[in-house]
N, C-alpha and C. Protein backbone atom coordinates (compact mmCIF):
# COMPACT_ATOMS: atom_id res chain seq x y z
N MET A 1 0.86 -1.17 0.00
CA MET A 1 0.00 0.00 0.00
C MET A 1 0.90 1.23 0.00
N ASP A 2 0.66 2.14 -0.92
CA ASP A 2 1.47 3.35 -0.97
C ASP A 2 0.97 4.38 0.05
N PHE A 3 1.72 5.44 0.17
CA PHE A 3 1.42 6.48 1.15
C PHE A 3 0.02 7.06 0.94
N PHE A 4 -0.32 7.36 -0.31
CA PHE A 4 -1.62 8.00 -0.57
C PHE A 4 -2.78 7.05 -0.32
N SER A 5 -2.60 5.77 -0.60
CA SER A 5 -3.66 4.79 -0.30
C SER A 5 -3.87 4.69 1.20
N ALA A 6 -2.77 4.67 1.95
CA ALA A 6 -2.88 4.62 3.41
C ALA A 6 -3.64 5.85 3.93
N MET A 7 -3.33 6.99 3.36
CA MET A 7 -4.02 8.22 3.77
C MET A 7 -5.50 8.18 3.36
N ASP A 8 -5.78 7.65 2.17
CA ASP A 8 -7.18 7.55 1.72
C ASP A 8 -8.00 6.66 2.65
N VAL A 9 -7.43 5.52 3.02
CA VAL A 9 -8.13 4.58 3.89
C VAL A 9 -8.39 5.21 5.25
N SER A 10 -7.34 5.79 5.84
CA SER A 10 -7.49 6.40 7.17
C SER A 10 -8.39 7.62 7.14
N SER A 11 -8.28 8.44 6.10
CA SER A 11 -9.12 9.64 6.06
C SER A 11 -10.60 9.27 5.87
N SER A 12 -10.88 8.21 5.11
CA SER A 12 -12.28 7.79 4.96
C SER A 12 -12.82 7.30 6.31
N ALA A 13 -11.98 6.59 7.05
CA ALA A 13 -12.41 6.12 8.38
C ALA A 13 -12.61 7.28 9.34
N LEU A 14 -11.79 8.32 9.24
CA LEU A 14 -11.96 9.50 10.09
C LEU A 14 -13.26 10.23 9.75
N THR A 15 -13.60 10.30 8.48
CA THR A 15 -14.85 10.94 8.05
C THR A 15 -16.05 10.17 8.58
N VAL A 16 -16.00 8.84 8.47
CA VAL A 16 -17.08 8.00 8.98
C VAL A 16 -17.18 8.15 10.50
N GLY A 17 -16.03 8.21 11.17
CA GLY A 17 -16.02 8.38 12.62
C GLY A 17 -16.67 9.68 13.05
N ARG A 18 -16.41 10.76 12.29
CA ARG A 18 -17.03 12.05 12.60
C ARG A 18 -18.55 11.97 12.43
N THR A 19 -19.00 11.33 11.37
CA THR A 19 -20.44 11.16 11.15
C THR A 19 -21.06 10.35 12.28
N ARG A 20 -20.38 9.28 12.66
CA ARG A 20 -20.89 8.44 13.75
C ARG A 20 -20.98 9.23 15.06
N MET A 21 -19.96 10.04 15.36
CA MET A 21 -19.99 10.85 16.59
C MET A 21 -21.11 11.89 16.54
N ASN A 22 -21.34 12.49 15.36
CA ASN A 22 -22.43 13.46 15.23
C ASN A 22 -23.79 12.80 15.48
N LEU A 23 -23.98 11.59 14.97
CA LEU A 23 -25.24 10.89 15.20
C LEU A 23 -25.42 10.53 16.67
N ILE A 24 -24.35 10.06 17.30
CA ILE A 24 -24.43 9.73 18.74
C ILE A 24 -24.77 10.98 19.54
N SER A 25 -24.12 12.10 19.21
CA SER A 25 -24.40 13.36 19.92
C SER A 25 -25.85 13.78 19.74
N SER A 26 -26.36 13.64 18.52
CA SER A 26 -27.75 13.98 18.24
C SER A 26 -28.69 13.08 19.04
N ASN A 27 -28.38 11.79 19.10
CA ASN A 27 -29.21 10.86 19.86
C ASN A 27 -29.23 11.24 21.34
N LEU A 28 -28.06 11.56 21.90
CA LEU A 28 -28.00 11.93 23.31
C LEU A 28 -28.71 13.25 23.58
N ALA A 29 -28.56 14.20 22.67
CA ALA A 29 -29.19 15.51 22.85
C ALA A 29 -30.72 15.41 22.81
N ASN A 30 -31.23 14.43 22.08
CA ASN A 30 -32.68 14.28 21.93
C ASN A 30 -33.26 13.13 22.73
N ALA A 31 -32.54 12.66 23.73
CA ALA A 31 -32.97 11.51 24.52
C ALA A 31 -34.29 11.74 25.25
N ASN A 32 -34.68 13.00 25.43
CA ASN A 32 -35.94 13.31 26.11
C ASN A 32 -36.91 14.10 25.24
N THR A 33 -36.68 14.14 23.93
CA THR A 33 -37.53 14.90 23.03
C THR A 33 -38.77 14.08 22.69
N THR A 34 -39.92 14.57 23.16
CA THR A 34 -41.17 13.82 22.96
C THR A 34 -41.99 14.35 21.79
N ARG A 35 -41.58 15.49 21.23
CA ARG A 35 -42.35 16.08 20.13
C ARG A 35 -41.39 16.55 19.05
N THR A 36 -41.55 16.00 17.84
CA THR A 36 -40.71 16.37 16.70
C THR A 36 -41.57 16.96 15.59
N PRO A 37 -40.97 17.61 14.60
CA PRO A 37 -41.77 18.14 13.49
C PRO A 37 -42.52 17.05 12.71
N GLU A 38 -41.97 15.84 12.70
CA GLU A 38 -42.65 14.72 12.02
C GLU A 38 -43.79 14.16 12.85
N GLY A 39 -43.83 14.52 14.11
CA GLY A 39 -44.84 14.01 15.03
C GLY A 39 -44.29 12.85 15.84
N GLY A 40 -44.66 12.79 17.09
CA GLY A 40 -44.19 11.72 17.96
C GLY A 40 -42.81 11.99 18.52
N PRO A 41 -42.29 11.03 19.28
CA PRO A 41 -40.98 11.22 19.91
C PRO A 41 -39.84 11.07 18.90
N TYR A 42 -38.68 11.57 19.29
CA TYR A 42 -37.47 11.45 18.47
C TYR A 42 -37.14 9.97 18.27
N LYS A 43 -36.66 9.63 17.08
CA LYS A 43 -36.25 8.25 16.79
C LYS A 43 -34.74 8.22 16.65
N ARG A 44 -34.12 7.28 17.35
CA ARG A 44 -32.67 7.12 17.32
C ARG A 44 -32.18 6.93 15.89
N LYS A 45 -31.06 7.57 15.56
CA LYS A 45 -30.48 7.46 14.23
C LYS A 45 -29.15 6.70 14.30
N ASP A 46 -28.87 5.96 13.24
CA ASP A 46 -27.63 5.20 13.16
C ASP A 46 -27.16 5.20 11.71
N ALA A 47 -25.85 5.00 11.52
CA ALA A 47 -25.26 5.01 10.19
C ALA A 47 -25.02 3.58 9.71
N VAL A 48 -25.18 3.39 8.40
CA VAL A 48 -24.86 2.12 7.76
C VAL A 48 -23.58 2.35 6.96
N PHE A 49 -22.55 1.53 7.24
CA PHE A 49 -21.25 1.68 6.59
C PHE A 49 -21.08 0.65 5.49
N SER A 50 -20.20 0.97 4.55
CA SER A 50 -19.86 0.04 3.49
C SER A 50 -18.38 0.19 3.15
N ALA A 51 -17.73 -0.93 2.87
CA ALA A 51 -16.34 -0.90 2.43
C ALA A 51 -16.33 -0.93 0.91
N THR A 52 -15.65 0.03 0.31
CA THR A 52 -15.58 0.10 -1.15
C THR A 52 -14.12 0.12 -1.58
N PRO A 53 -13.80 -0.50 -2.72
CA PRO A 53 -12.41 -0.54 -3.17
C PRO A 53 -11.89 0.84 -3.56
N LEU A 54 -10.62 1.06 -3.30
CA LEU A 54 -9.96 2.27 -3.78
C LEU A 54 -9.69 2.11 -5.27
N GLU A 55 -9.67 3.19 -5.98
CA GLU A 55 -9.49 3.14 -7.42
C GLU A 55 -8.21 3.86 -7.85
N SER A 56 -7.07 3.24 -7.62
CA SER A 56 -5.82 3.80 -8.14
C SER A 56 -5.03 2.68 -8.81
N ARG A 57 -4.09 3.05 -9.65
CA ARG A 57 -3.31 2.06 -10.38
C ARG A 57 -2.52 1.18 -9.42
N PHE A 58 -1.93 1.80 -8.40
CA PHE A 58 -1.15 1.04 -7.44
C PHE A 58 -2.03 0.01 -6.73
N ASP A 59 -3.23 0.41 -6.35
CA ASP A 59 -4.12 -0.50 -5.63
C ASP A 59 -4.54 -1.68 -6.50
N ARG A 60 -4.79 -1.44 -7.77
CA ARG A 60 -5.14 -2.54 -8.67
C ARG A 60 -3.97 -3.51 -8.80
N THR A 61 -2.75 -2.98 -8.87
CA THR A 61 -1.55 -3.83 -8.94
C THR A 61 -1.40 -4.64 -7.67
N LEU A 62 -1.60 -3.99 -6.52
CA LEU A 62 -1.51 -4.68 -5.23
C LEU A 62 -2.58 -5.75 -5.12
N ASP A 63 -3.79 -5.44 -5.55
CA ASP A 63 -4.88 -6.42 -5.52
C ASP A 63 -4.52 -7.66 -6.32
N ALA A 64 -3.96 -7.46 -7.51
CA ALA A 64 -3.60 -8.58 -8.37
C ALA A 64 -2.46 -9.41 -7.76
N ALA A 65 -1.51 -8.74 -7.11
CA ALA A 65 -0.34 -9.43 -6.57
C ALA A 65 -0.66 -10.18 -5.27
N THR A 66 -1.56 -9.66 -4.47
CA THR A 66 -1.80 -10.25 -3.14
C THR A 66 -3.18 -10.86 -2.98
N SER A 67 -4.03 -10.73 -3.97
CA SER A 67 -5.43 -11.15 -3.92
C SER A 67 -6.16 -10.53 -2.72
N GLN A 68 -5.72 -9.35 -2.30
CA GLN A 68 -6.38 -8.60 -1.24
C GLN A 68 -6.78 -7.26 -1.82
N GLN A 69 -7.95 -6.80 -1.47
CA GLN A 69 -8.39 -5.51 -1.98
C GLN A 69 -8.20 -4.44 -0.93
N VAL A 70 -7.62 -3.32 -1.36
CA VAL A 70 -7.50 -2.16 -0.48
C VAL A 70 -8.84 -1.46 -0.51
N ARG A 71 -9.41 -1.22 0.65
CA ARG A 71 -10.76 -0.67 0.72
C ARG A 71 -10.79 0.57 1.61
N LYS A 72 -11.75 1.41 1.31
CA LYS A 72 -12.05 2.53 2.19
C LYS A 72 -13.47 2.32 2.72
N VAL A 73 -13.82 3.06 3.73
CA VAL A 73 -15.15 2.91 4.32
C VAL A 73 -15.92 4.20 4.09
N GLU A 74 -17.22 4.06 3.89
CA GLU A 74 -18.06 5.25 3.72
C GLU A 74 -19.45 4.99 4.28
N VAL A 75 -20.14 6.07 4.61
CA VAL A 75 -21.52 5.99 5.09
C VAL A 75 -22.40 5.92 3.87
N ILE A 76 -23.20 4.86 3.77
CA ILE A 76 -24.09 4.76 2.61
C ILE A 76 -25.53 5.16 2.94
N GLU A 77 -25.86 5.17 4.23
CA GLU A 77 -27.23 5.52 4.61
C GLU A 77 -27.29 5.84 6.09
N ILE A 78 -28.16 6.75 6.44
CA ILE A 78 -28.47 7.03 7.84
C ILE A 78 -29.91 6.59 8.06
N ILE A 79 -30.07 5.65 9.00
CA ILE A 79 -31.39 5.06 9.22
C ILE A 79 -31.93 5.45 10.58
N GLU A 80 -33.25 5.38 10.72
CA GLU A 80 -33.90 5.59 12.00
C GLU A 80 -34.19 4.23 12.62
N ASP A 81 -33.89 4.09 13.89
CA ASP A 81 -34.16 2.87 14.63
C ASP A 81 -35.68 2.68 14.70
N GLN A 82 -36.15 1.50 14.35
CA GLN A 82 -37.58 1.23 14.31
C GLN A 82 -38.12 0.63 15.62
N THR A 83 -37.28 0.60 16.64
CA THR A 83 -37.73 0.13 17.95
C THR A 83 -38.85 1.04 18.44
N PRO A 84 -39.93 0.47 18.96
CA PRO A 84 -41.03 1.34 19.42
C PRO A 84 -40.59 2.21 20.60
N PRO A 85 -41.22 3.37 20.74
CA PRO A 85 -40.85 4.24 21.86
C PRO A 85 -41.24 3.58 23.18
N ARG A 86 -40.52 3.93 24.23
CA ARG A 86 -40.88 3.39 25.54
C ARG A 86 -41.92 4.32 26.16
N LEU A 87 -42.85 3.70 26.86
CA LEU A 87 -43.91 4.48 27.50
C LEU A 87 -43.54 4.73 28.95
N GLN A 88 -43.68 5.99 29.35
CA GLN A 88 -43.33 6.39 30.71
C GLN A 88 -44.56 7.07 31.32
N TYR A 89 -44.90 6.68 32.54
CA TYR A 89 -46.08 7.22 33.18
C TYR A 89 -45.78 8.61 33.76
N GLU A 90 -46.34 9.63 33.13
CA GLU A 90 -46.22 11.02 33.59
C GLU A 90 -47.52 11.75 33.23
N PRO A 91 -48.54 11.61 34.03
CA PRO A 91 -49.85 12.19 33.68
C PRO A 91 -49.85 13.71 33.54
N ALA A 92 -48.89 14.40 34.16
CA ALA A 92 -48.85 15.86 34.10
C ALA A 92 -48.12 16.36 32.85
N HIS A 93 -47.48 15.49 32.10
CA HIS A 93 -46.72 15.89 30.90
C HIS A 93 -47.68 16.33 29.80
N PRO A 94 -47.36 17.41 29.07
CA PRO A 94 -48.28 17.87 28.02
C PRO A 94 -48.48 16.88 26.87
N ASP A 95 -47.56 15.93 26.68
CA ASP A 95 -47.71 14.95 25.60
C ASP A 95 -48.25 13.61 26.09
N ALA A 96 -48.76 13.56 27.32
CA ALA A 96 -49.29 12.30 27.87
C ALA A 96 -50.60 11.93 27.17
N ASN A 97 -50.79 10.63 27.00
CA ASN A 97 -52.04 10.16 26.39
C ASN A 97 -53.14 10.11 27.46
N ALA A 98 -54.29 9.59 27.12
CA ALA A 98 -55.43 9.57 28.04
C ALA A 98 -55.15 8.75 29.30
N GLN A 99 -54.29 7.73 29.18
CA GLN A 99 -53.96 6.90 30.34
C GLN A 99 -52.81 7.50 31.17
N GLY A 100 -52.21 8.61 30.72
CA GLY A 100 -51.13 9.27 31.45
C GLY A 100 -49.74 8.84 31.03
N TYR A 101 -49.62 8.09 29.95
CA TYR A 101 -48.31 7.64 29.49
C TYR A 101 -47.78 8.54 28.39
N VAL A 102 -46.46 8.79 28.43
CA VAL A 102 -45.79 9.61 27.44
C VAL A 102 -44.88 8.70 26.61
N ALA A 103 -44.97 8.83 25.29
CA ALA A 103 -44.07 8.08 24.40
C ALA A 103 -42.71 8.78 24.40
N MET A 104 -41.71 8.09 24.94
CA MET A 104 -40.36 8.65 25.05
C MET A 104 -39.49 8.07 23.93
N PRO A 105 -38.45 8.80 23.53
CA PRO A 105 -37.56 8.31 22.47
C PRO A 105 -36.94 6.96 22.78
N ASN A 106 -36.60 6.22 21.72
CA ASN A 106 -36.01 4.89 21.87
C ASN A 106 -34.48 4.98 22.00
N VAL A 107 -34.01 5.96 22.75
CA VAL A 107 -32.58 6.19 22.95
C VAL A 107 -32.18 5.68 24.32
N ASN A 108 -31.21 4.78 24.36
CA ASN A 108 -30.66 4.27 25.61
C ASN A 108 -29.33 4.98 25.83
N THR A 109 -29.28 5.86 26.83
CA THR A 109 -28.08 6.69 27.02
C THR A 109 -26.84 5.85 27.35
N VAL A 110 -27.01 4.73 28.02
CA VAL A 110 -25.86 3.88 28.35
C VAL A 110 -25.27 3.29 27.07
N GLU A 111 -26.13 2.80 26.19
CA GLU A 111 -25.65 2.26 24.90
C GLU A 111 -25.00 3.34 24.06
N GLU A 112 -25.58 4.53 24.07
CA GLU A 112 -25.01 5.63 23.29
C GLU A 112 -23.62 6.02 23.82
N MET A 113 -23.47 6.03 25.13
CA MET A 113 -22.15 6.35 25.70
C MET A 113 -21.12 5.27 25.37
N ALA A 114 -21.54 4.00 25.38
CA ALA A 114 -20.64 2.92 25.00
C ALA A 114 -20.25 3.05 23.53
N ASP A 115 -21.23 3.39 22.67
CA ASP A 115 -20.94 3.62 21.26
C ASP A 115 -19.97 4.79 21.08
N MET A 116 -20.15 5.83 21.90
CA MET A 116 -19.27 6.99 21.80
C MET A 116 -17.83 6.64 22.17
N ILE A 117 -17.67 5.80 23.18
CA ILE A 117 -16.32 5.37 23.57
C ILE A 117 -15.69 4.57 22.43
N GLY A 118 -16.47 3.66 21.82
CA GLY A 118 -15.96 2.88 20.70
C GLY A 118 -15.59 3.77 19.51
N ALA A 119 -16.43 4.75 19.21
CA ALA A 119 -16.15 5.67 18.11
C ALA A 119 -14.91 6.50 18.39
N THR A 120 -14.74 6.91 19.63
CA THR A 120 -13.56 7.68 20.00
C THR A 120 -12.29 6.86 19.84
N ARG A 121 -12.34 5.61 20.27
CA ARG A 121 -11.17 4.72 20.14
C ARG A 121 -10.83 4.47 18.67
N ALA A 122 -11.84 4.26 17.85
CA ALA A 122 -11.61 4.04 16.41
C ALA A 122 -11.01 5.29 15.78
N TYR A 123 -11.49 6.45 16.18
CA TYR A 123 -10.96 7.71 15.65
C TYR A 123 -9.49 7.86 16.04
N GLU A 124 -9.18 7.58 17.31
CA GLU A 124 -7.80 7.66 17.78
C GLU A 124 -6.89 6.69 17.02
N ALA A 125 -7.39 5.49 16.76
CA ALA A 125 -6.59 4.49 16.02
C ALA A 125 -6.29 4.97 14.61
N ASN A 126 -7.25 5.61 13.97
CA ASN A 126 -7.02 6.10 12.61
C ASN A 126 -6.09 7.31 12.59
N VAL A 127 -6.16 8.16 13.60
CA VAL A 127 -5.20 9.27 13.70
C VAL A 127 -3.79 8.71 13.88
N THR A 128 -3.65 7.67 14.69
CA THR A 128 -2.34 7.03 14.88
C THR A 128 -1.84 6.41 13.58
N ALA A 129 -2.74 5.81 12.80
CA ALA A 129 -2.34 5.23 11.51
C ALA A 129 -1.86 6.31 10.55
N VAL A 130 -2.54 7.46 10.53
CA VAL A 130 -2.10 8.57 9.68
C VAL A 130 -0.72 9.05 10.12
N GLN A 131 -0.53 9.19 11.42
CA GLN A 131 0.78 9.64 11.92
C GLN A 131 1.87 8.64 11.59
N ALA A 132 1.57 7.35 11.68
CA ALA A 132 2.57 6.32 11.36
C ALA A 132 2.93 6.35 9.88
N ALA A 133 1.92 6.51 9.01
CA ALA A 133 2.19 6.59 7.57
C ALA A 133 3.03 7.81 7.25
N LYS A 134 2.72 8.92 7.89
CA LYS A 134 3.49 10.14 7.68
C LYS A 134 4.93 9.97 8.16
N SER A 135 5.09 9.34 9.31
CA SER A 135 6.43 9.10 9.85
C SER A 135 7.24 8.18 8.93
N MET A 136 6.61 7.12 8.40
CA MET A 136 7.32 6.22 7.49
C MET A 136 7.71 6.93 6.20
N ALA A 137 6.84 7.81 5.70
CA ALA A 137 7.16 8.56 4.49
C ALA A 137 8.34 9.49 4.74
N MET A 138 8.37 10.11 5.91
CA MET A 138 9.49 11.01 6.24
C MET A 138 10.79 10.23 6.37
N LYS A 139 10.73 9.06 6.98
CA LYS A 139 11.94 8.22 7.11
C LYS A 139 12.42 7.77 5.73
N THR A 140 11.49 7.48 4.83
CA THR A 140 11.85 7.07 3.47
C THR A 140 12.57 8.21 2.76
N LEU A 141 12.10 9.43 2.95
CA LEU A 141 12.76 10.58 2.34
C LEU A 141 14.16 10.80 2.90
N GLU A 142 14.36 10.46 4.17
CA GLU A 142 15.67 10.63 4.80
C GLU A 142 16.68 9.63 4.26
N ILE A 143 16.24 8.49 3.75
CA ILE A 143 17.13 7.47 3.21
C ILE A 143 17.92 8.02 2.02
N GLY A 144 17.27 8.84 1.22
CA GLY A 144 17.89 9.38 0.01
C GLY A 144 18.96 10.43 0.28
N ARG A 145 19.16 10.84 1.49
CA ARG A 145 20.15 11.89 1.80
C ARG A 145 21.54 11.36 1.80
């Protein structure tokens, strides 16, 4: 894998990581939102990722030589979680139904925080990979001196 392919792979993962963190932040910020413009409580959002091959001459040569494909990752879709809202008994709430239950968002803050930790670790790993590729490129340039 050449320097630019390494950067392409890591930068695509950093972009996906940023999108994932934005969705987690949105889910946490709306964990108690019972009324949305679409009607009803907020629905948790999640990203669907896909690995796609890089398209450079070097990568095609590497693929042919090693039978391994160099891939980048990208977000192909942002979906809403279809889990039904949880009902919470709060008869004084303005969005309570006739029985006194309020439809609350399907966001579990503990799961979202665990996802955030995982996304942070993945982001850190990709930053480290970019730094390592940069360091190797610099060392390669020093060889020619």
